[in-house]
Structures are given as structure tokens and as C-alpha cells.
Protein backbone atom coordinates (compact mmCIF):
# COMPACT_ATOMS: atom_id res chain seq x y z
CA MET A 1 0.00 0.00 0.00
CA SER A 2 2.77 2.42 0.91
CA THR A 3 4.62 1.53 -2.29
CA ALA A 4 1.56 2.40 -4.37
CA THR A 5 1.10 5.64 -2.44
CA ASN A 6 4.72 6.63 -2.98
CA ARG A 7 4.38 5.82 -6.66
CA VAL A 8 1.32 8.08 -6.97
CA GLY A 9 3.11 10.84 -5.06
CA ARG A 10 6.11 10.70 -7.37
CA ARG A 11 3.84 10.73 -10.40
CA GLY A 12 2.02 13.80 -9.02
CA ARG A 13 5.31 15.63 -8.43
CA ARG A 14 6.46 14.82 -11.98
CA THR A 15 3.16 16.12 -13.34
CA ALA A 16 3.38 19.36 -11.34
CA ALA A 17 7.05 20.02 -12.12
CA PRO A 18 6.51 21.51 -15.63
CA TYR A 19 3.88 23.91 -14.28
CA ALA A 20 6.22 25.00 -11.52
CA PHE A 21 8.92 25.84 -14.08
CA LEU A 22 6.41 27.67 -16.29
CA ALA A 23 4.84 29.64 -13.44
CA PRO A 24 7.42 32.52 -13.33
CA ALA A 25 7.13 33.10 -17.09
CA VAL A 26 3.34 32.97 -16.97
CA ILE A 27 3.21 35.39 -14.04
CA LEU A 28 5.58 37.87 -15.69
CA PHE A 29 3.74 37.60 -19.03
CA THR A 30 0.44 38.27 -17.27
CA LEU A 31 1.78 41.23 -15.28
CA PHE A 32 3.69 42.96 -18.06
CA VAL A 33 1.72 41.98 -21.20
CA ILE A 34 -1.83 40.80 -20.51
CA LEU A 35 -2.69 43.32 -17.79
CA PRO A 36 -1.31 46.38 -19.69
CA ILE A 37 -3.24 45.33 -22.81
CA GLY A 38 -6.40 44.90 -20.77
CA TYR A 39 -5.89 48.26 -19.06
CA ALA A 40 -5.38 49.97 -22.43
CA GLY A 41 -8.61 48.41 -23.66
CA TYR A 42 -10.38 49.64 -20.52
CA LEU A 43 -9.07 53.20 -20.93
CA SER A 44 -10.09 53.25 -24.58
CA LEU A 45 -13.72 52.94 -23.50
CA ARG A 46 -13.56 55.85 -21.03
CA LYS A 47 -13.35 59.63 -21.24
CA VAL A 48 -13.32 62.67 -18.96
CA GLN A 49 -16.51 64.67 -18.62
CA VAL A 50 -16.02 68.33 -17.68
CA SER A 51 -18.84 70.24 -16.06
CA GLY A 52 -18.96 74.02 -15.78
CA LEU A 53 -15.57 75.66 -16.04
CA GLY A 54 -13.77 72.49 -15.03
CA LEU A 55 -12.77 73.95 -11.67
CA GLY A 56 -13.43 72.58 -8.22
CA ARG A 57 -13.98 69.14 -6.83
CA GLY A 58 -16.12 66.91 -9.01
CA ALA A 59 -15.92 69.19 -12.05
CA ARG A 60 -13.97 66.54 -13.97
CA LYS A 61 -14.97 62.91 -13.74
CA GLU A 62 -14.26 59.79 -15.73
CA ILE A 63 -17.25 58.23 -17.47
CA PHE A 64 -17.97 55.40 -19.88
CA ALA A 65 -17.55 56.57 -23.49
CA GLY A 66 -18.34 53.41 -25.44
CA LEU A 67 -16.82 53.51 -28.92
CA GLU A 68 -16.54 57.30 -29.06
CA ASN A 69 -12.74 57.28 -28.78
CA TYR A 70 -12.53 54.73 -31.60
CA ARG A 71 -14.79 56.83 -33.83
CA ASP A 72 -12.57 59.84 -33.20
CA ALA A 73 -9.46 57.81 -33.98
CA VAL A 74 -10.90 56.42 -37.22
CA GLY A 75 -11.87 59.93 -38.32
CA ASP A 76 -8.52 61.50 -37.43
CA SER A 77 -6.77 62.61 -40.63
CA GLU A 78 -3.40 62.96 -38.85
CA LEU A 79 -3.50 59.28 -37.85
CA TRP A 80 -4.21 58.09 -41.39
CA SER A 81 -1.63 60.45 -42.85
CA GLY A 82 0.98 58.97 -40.53
CA GLY A 83 -0.28 55.47 -41.35
CA LEU A 84 0.14 56.01 -45.09
CA ARG A 85 3.63 57.38 -44.45
CA VAL A 86 4.49 54.25 -42.46
CA LEU A 87 3.17 52.01 -45.25
CA GLY A 88 5.42 53.79 -47.74
CA TYR A 89 8.28 53.50 -45.26
CA GLY A 90 7.74 49.75 -44.99
CA ALA A 91 7.33 49.29 -48.75
CA LEU A 92 10.78 50.83 -49.23
CA LEU A 93 12.56 49.44 -46.18
CA VAL A 94 11.48 45.79 -46.00
CA PRO A 95 12.44 44.66 -49.55
CA ILE A 96 15.82 46.41 -49.42
CA MET A 97 16.61 45.16 -45.91
CA LEU A 98 15.65 41.55 -46.58
CA GLY A 99 17.30 41.60 -50.01
CA LEU A 100 20.62 42.73 -48.56
CA ALA A 101 20.30 40.32 -45.63
CA LEU A 102 19.70 37.45 -48.07
CA LEU A 103 22.64 38.51 -50.23
CA PHE A 104 25.01 38.69 -47.26
CA ALA A 105 23.78 35.34 -45.90
CA LEU A 106 24.36 33.65 -49.27
CA LEU A 107 27.82 35.19 -49.61
CA LEU A 108 28.81 34.07 -46.11
CA ASP A 109 27.51 30.56 -46.77
CA ARG A 110 29.87 30.02 -49.69
CA PRO A 111 32.30 27.13 -49.11
CA ARG A 112 35.35 29.37 -49.58
CA ALA A 113 34.13 32.54 -47.91
CA ARG A 114 37.03 34.41 -46.33
CA PHE A 115 36.93 36.16 -42.96
CA GLY A 116 33.48 34.68 -42.36
CA ARG A 117 33.41 35.21 -38.60
CA PHE A 118 34.66 38.79 -38.87
CA ALA A 119 32.14 39.55 -41.63
CA ARG A 120 29.22 38.08 -39.65
CA THR A 121 30.16 40.08 -36.58
CA SER A 122 30.63 43.30 -38.56
CA ILE A 123 27.25 42.99 -40.27
CA PHE A 124 25.44 42.03 -37.08
CA LEU A 125 27.12 44.65 -34.88
CA PRO A 126 24.82 47.59 -35.83
CA TYR A 127 21.83 45.59 -34.57
CA ALA A 128 23.47 45.39 -31.14
CA VAL A 129 23.50 49.19 -30.90
CA PRO A 130 20.31 50.43 -29.16
CA ALA A 131 17.95 52.12 -31.61
CA ILE A 132 17.90 55.43 -29.72
CA ILE A 133 21.70 55.64 -29.70
CA ALA A 134 21.91 54.72 -33.38
CA SER A 135 19.28 57.37 -34.21
CA LEU A 136 21.17 60.06 -32.30
CA LEU A 137 24.46 59.09 -33.95
CA TRP A 138 22.92 59.26 -37.41
CA GLY A 139 21.15 62.49 -36.47
CA PHE A 140 24.45 64.20 -35.79
CA LEU A 141 25.82 62.79 -39.05
CA TYR A 142 22.82 64.31 -40.84
CA LEU A 143 23.19 67.77 -39.25
CA PRO A 144 25.10 70.11 -41.58
CA ALA A 145 26.94 71.77 -38.69
CA THR A 146 28.30 68.52 -37.24
CA SER A 147 28.43 66.10 -40.18
CA PRO A 148 31.90 65.09 -41.40
CA VAL A 149 30.24 63.97 -44.63
CA ASN A 150 29.27 67.54 -45.46
CA ASP A 151 32.77 68.74 -44.61
CA LEU A 152 34.22 66.13 -46.97
CA LEU A 153 31.82 67.10 -49.77
CA ALA A 154 32.62 70.78 -49.28
CA TRP A 155 36.34 69.99 -49.37
CA VAL A 156 36.03 68.29 -52.77
CA GLY A 157 33.72 71.02 -54.07
CA LEU A 158 30.43 69.09 -54.16
CA PRO A 159 27.11 70.54 -52.95
CA GLU A 160 26.09 69.68 -49.40
CA PRO A 161 22.80 67.73 -49.22
CA ASP A 162 20.14 68.62 -46.68
CA LEU A 163 19.56 65.17 -45.22
CA LEU A 164 16.96 66.46 -42.77
CA GLY A 165 14.96 68.47 -45.30
CA GLN A 166 11.32 67.99 -46.16
CA GLY A 167 12.03 65.80 -49.16
CA THR A 168 14.93 63.78 -47.75
CA VAL A 169 14.15 63.13 -44.07
CA PHE A 170 11.95 60.15 -45.02
CA TYR A 171 14.93 58.41 -46.63
CA SER A 172 17.16 59.38 -43.72
CA VAL A 173 14.84 57.55 -41.33
CA VAL A 174 14.78 54.54 -43.66
CA ASN A 175 18.59 54.51 -43.69
CA ILE A 176 18.75 54.30 -39.88
CA ALA A 177 16.38 51.33 -39.77
CA LEU A 178 18.20 49.70 -42.69
CA TRP A 179 21.57 50.05 -41.00
CA GLY A 180 20.30 48.41 -37.83
CA GLY A 181 18.00 45.74 -39.28
CA ILE A 182 20.12 44.00 -41.90
CA GLY A 183 22.33 42.23 -39.34
CA PHE A 184 19.51 40.53 -37.42
CA ASN A 185 17.79 39.24 -40.55
CA MET A 186 21.11 38.12 -42.02
CA ILE A 187 21.83 36.00 -38.92
CA VAL A 188 18.37 34.41 -39.10
CA LEU A 189 18.78 33.54 -42.78
CA TYR A 190 22.38 32.40 -42.35
CA THR A 191 21.34 30.08 -39.51
CA ALA A 192 18.62 28.61 -41.72
CA LEU A 193 21.18 28.06 -44.47
CA ARG A 194 23.50 26.20 -42.12
CA ALA A 195 20.64 23.80 -41.30
CA ILE A 196 20.33 22.67 -44.94
CA PRO A 197 22.02 19.26 -45.50
CA VAL A 198 25.31 19.70 -47.33
CA GLU A 199 24.57 16.53 -49.33
CA LEU A 200 22.18 18.59 -51.47
CA TYR A 201 25.00 20.95 -52.44
CA GLU A 202 27.40 18.11 -53.15
CA SER A 203 24.88 16.38 -55.41
CA ALA A 204 24.24 19.63 -57.28
CA ARG A 205 27.98 20.21 -57.78
CA LEU A 206 28.37 16.69 -59.13
CA ASP A 207 25.64 17.54 -61.64
CA GLY A 208 27.65 20.56 -62.76
CA CYS A 209 25.74 23.34 -60.96
CA SER A 210 27.61 26.54 -60.19
CA GLU A 211 27.38 28.33 -56.84
CA VAL A 212 24.94 30.83 -58.34
CA GLN A 213 22.69 28.01 -59.60
CA ILE A 214 22.86 26.30 -56.20
CA ALA A 215 21.84 29.54 -54.52
CA LEU A 216 18.94 30.18 -56.90
CA ARG A 217 17.62 26.63 -57.22
CA ILE A 218 18.35 25.09 -53.81
CA LYS A 219 19.17 27.63 -51.11
CA ILE A 220 16.59 30.33 -51.78
CA PRO A 221 13.63 27.91 -52.24
CA LEU A 222 14.54 26.19 -48.96
CA LEU A 223 14.83 29.58 -47.26
CA VAL A 224 11.23 30.55 -48.01
CA PRO A 225 9.93 29.74 -44.48
CA ALA A 226 12.74 31.80 -42.92
CA LEU A 227 12.07 34.63 -45.38
CA VAL A 228 8.39 34.59 -44.45
CA MET A 229 9.24 34.76 -40.76
CA THR A 230 11.66 37.66 -41.19
CA THR A 231 9.14 39.45 -43.42
CA VAL A 232 6.45 39.19 -40.74
CA PHE A 233 8.81 40.44 -38.03
CA SER A 234 9.92 43.29 -40.28
CA MET A 235 6.31 44.24 -41.06
CA ILE A 236 5.45 44.38 -37.35
CA ALA A 237 8.54 46.47 -36.57
CA THR A 238 7.76 48.78 -39.49
CA LEU A 239 4.19 49.43 -38.39
CA GLN A 240 5.53 50.27 -34.92
CA VAL A 241 8.29 52.65 -36.04
CA PHE A 242 8.78 55.27 -33.34
CA ILE A 243 12.31 55.68 -31.99
CA GLU A 244 14.05 56.81 -35.19
CA PRO A 245 11.73 59.72 -36.13
CA MET A 246 11.24 60.62 -32.47
CA ALA A 247 15.00 61.02 -32.00
CA LEU A 248 15.30 63.14 -35.15
CA GLU A 249 12.29 65.36 -34.37
CA PRO A 250 14.26 67.91 -32.25
CA LEU A 251 16.85 68.23 -35.04
CA THR A 252 14.51 69.18 -37.88
CA ASN A 253 11.20 70.86 -38.63
CA SER A 254 10.41 68.22 -41.26
CA ILE A 255 9.17 65.70 -38.68
CA SER A 256 5.95 66.58 -36.88
CA SER A 257 4.71 65.17 -33.58
CA THR A 258 2.28 62.95 -35.54
CA TRP A 259 4.75 61.81 -38.22
CA THR A 260 3.95 58.15 -37.39
CA PRO A 261 0.90 56.68 -35.60
CA LEU A 262 2.91 55.79 -32.50
CA MET A 263 4.26 59.34 -32.30
CA LYS A 264 0.65 60.53 -32.28
CA VAL A 265 -0.10 58.10 -29.45
CA TYR A 266 2.86 59.49 -27.51
CA ARG A 267 1.71 63.07 -28.10
CA ASP A 268 -1.86 62.34 -27.02
CA ALA A 269 -0.79 60.45 -23.91
CA PHE A 270 2.03 62.67 -22.62
CA ALA A 271 1.77 66.07 -24.33
CA THR A 272 -1.98 66.71 -24.45
CA ASN A 273 -2.70 64.36 -21.51
CA ASP A 274 -5.50 62.53 -23.33
CA ARG A 275 -4.69 58.98 -22.33
CA TYR A 276 -8.14 57.74 -23.38
CA ALA A 277 -7.69 58.77 -27.01
CA ALA A 278 -4.12 57.42 -26.91
CA ALA A 279 -5.38 54.06 -25.62
CA ALA A 280 -8.01 53.82 -28.37
CA THR A 281 -5.44 54.66 -31.04
CA SER A 282 -3.05 52.06 -29.59
CA VAL A 283 -5.70 49.35 -29.71
CA LEU A 284 -6.55 50.35 -33.28
CA ILE A 285 -2.87 50.16 -34.34
CA ALA A 286 -2.50 46.76 -32.65
CA ALA A 287 -5.59 45.46 -34.45
CA ILE A 288 -4.35 46.69 -37.84
CA THR A 289 -0.91 45.16 -37.21
CA LEU A 290 -2.53 41.85 -36.27
CA VAL A 291 -4.74 41.81 -39.36
CA LEU A 292 -1.90 42.66 -41.75
CA SER A 293 0.48 40.11 -40.20
CA PHE A 294 -2.00 37.25 -40.19
CA GLY A 295 -3.27 38.27 -43.61
CA PHE A 296 0.24 38.03 -45.01
CA LEU A 297 0.78 34.64 -43.35
CA ARG A 298 -2.52 33.42 -44.72
CA LEU A 299 -1.51 34.57 -48.17
CA VAL A 300 1.87 32.84 -48.26
CA GLN A 301 1.43 29.83 -45.96
CA ASN A 302 0.49 27.43 -48.76
CA ARG A 303 3.74 28.01 -50.63
CA ALA A 304 6.02 28.62 -47.65
CA PHE A 305 4.85 25.81 -45.36
CA GLY A 306 3.02 23.48 -47.70
CA GLN A 307 -0.34 23.91 -45.90
CA GLU A 308 -3.77 24.10 -47.41
CA ARG A 309 -5.66 27.34 -47.01
């Protein structure tokens, strides 16, 4: 009897052990992800009602607003203007970033690639620099008064470009994200390449395929799932662009406080102190990001993962 009881007790401890290991992660995820999302959803349904002149106790009180904040967000032209700007930003950034990351990964995966470790580290290193620091560094490189590039151009007699002007600041922001994002995506693609069996390459070489043909006919087709994953991550990061234009805003008049949707959220929450409108806009941005990401996955999953729609 005692043997059976001990056996049941050990089985119960083994069953409970995985939950005990998962408990800290679940608690932290709930505290720092689920609860903030729920609180943002709660605030998005509230507003402040002001009675009289708004002075005295009870003159301002929080009430239920329903979908009023969402209606205001949907009808806000500044939000949609920033959203269209972000879509153009992503349409330019994502293909160039992933194209260069794929090119570097293929070059580093060559059998006779020289200085491979140094090259991987050099390409990845910009990603390790925090985005705010990278944005400030590039900002000072863009400023005519502090940029050594402008000094060099003036020394050789070439005109100095205004990299923070109305027509060029968009590409300056893209350049910052491009500089920092290529390394991460290159490492992801390079890791996926290293997981491909080398027997495939050897068979192709025996059949007379060149390295370019191997890359086009074997490596890139097998990289499609990794390319889809990096594309989704890049889309999400693009729709949430904030740090780069926010860091450049004090340096130029070409970037407004609503240049991107998240900058508008920041302005509403901390400059105009309208946290209810900011919460509604945040929920709206999250919903649009979710729809676009899952829509893209739904569109490409049949080819990338061999699944039926």
C-alpha cells in the first residue's frame, strides 16, 4: 500500500514540475503583457466629462464613453496620414533590408568565404547598438553643422545635401532602420542556411551546378519559411516605427509630432494628456498590425509551409 502511495506521489510531483517551471514566465507575461493590454482596452472605453468651467472638486470625472474614442481615432486625418507614411516607409525598407540580408547570408555561406566570422560580426554589430543611440548618432551625421560627410563634400567642391529636409528626411529615417535591421535578418537567414544538408549541395555540384545556380535553385527555395518569418517580423517592426523619427524630431522641422501613428499616441498620452484617445489609437494600431500580419501569413502559408488554405 505504501509503495503504491509513494508511486502516486512521485507521479504527481512529476506532473506538477513543468507547471512550476512555467509559473514565473506565466506570471511575468500576465503582469507585463496581458494586464497592460487589458488596461489599455479599458481606458479606450472611457473619457473625462467636464462640467462648468472644469474647476473645483467633481468638475472633472471619468465616465464610460463606449466607442466614441474609436470613432474619433478612425476619423482623425493625422492618424491616417501617418499610417500612409508608415506604409510607404515599410514598402521601401522591408524589400531592401531583406534583399541585402539574403545577399550577405548567401555570400557568407559560400564554401570558400574568407573572414566569415569577422564579416558576420561586422554585419550584425549595428543591430546590437540600441535604436535610440543609433538614431542620435545618425542624427548628428545628418546635421550640416556637425556632419563630417558635409565637410568632406565641401572639401572636394560638391554641394552639401540637406539630409533632414522635407524631401529627404523620409529616406534618412529609412537609412537608420536599414543600418540596424540588416544584421539581425542576415543572422536568421544564415542560420537557416547552415541547417540545410550539405549533401544537397554536393549532389548539385556533381551535376555541374555553379554556386549561383545552387543559390537560386536550392538555397533560396529552402529559405522561403525563414524569409516569411523575417518578413512578418519586419512588417510588425515597421508598423511600430517610433524611436528613429522621435529622436530626429528635435533636429529638424520636417518631422511633426504625428509623423507616425505611435508618435501621435505618444503626443496624445504625454503632451496633451489625453490617455483615453491614446489608448483607443493604440488598440486600433494593434488590431491593424494583427490583421496585416495574419493576412500576409494566410496569403503565403500554402507556398512557404506546404499547408492548405
